[in-house]
Amino acid sequence: MEQWAYIIFGVSAAAWITHVFTCLSDDRWGFLIAGAIMFPIAIFHGIGIWFGWF
């Protein structure tokens, strides 16, 4: 059962990193700070980038 926790943590960390790199490359400083403070926004944005939603 704990392997799901590792998978969820890994996907969340990768999505957060995707959010950070995308915001840095696009000079979206306000969104970068918002995602750093409220990490679920950053995770949702990172996953959205993967699927082409954003």
Foldseek 3Di string as FASTA:
>chain_A
DCVVVVVVVVLLVQQLVQLLVVCVVVVVVVVNVVCVVVVVVSSVVSVCVVVVND
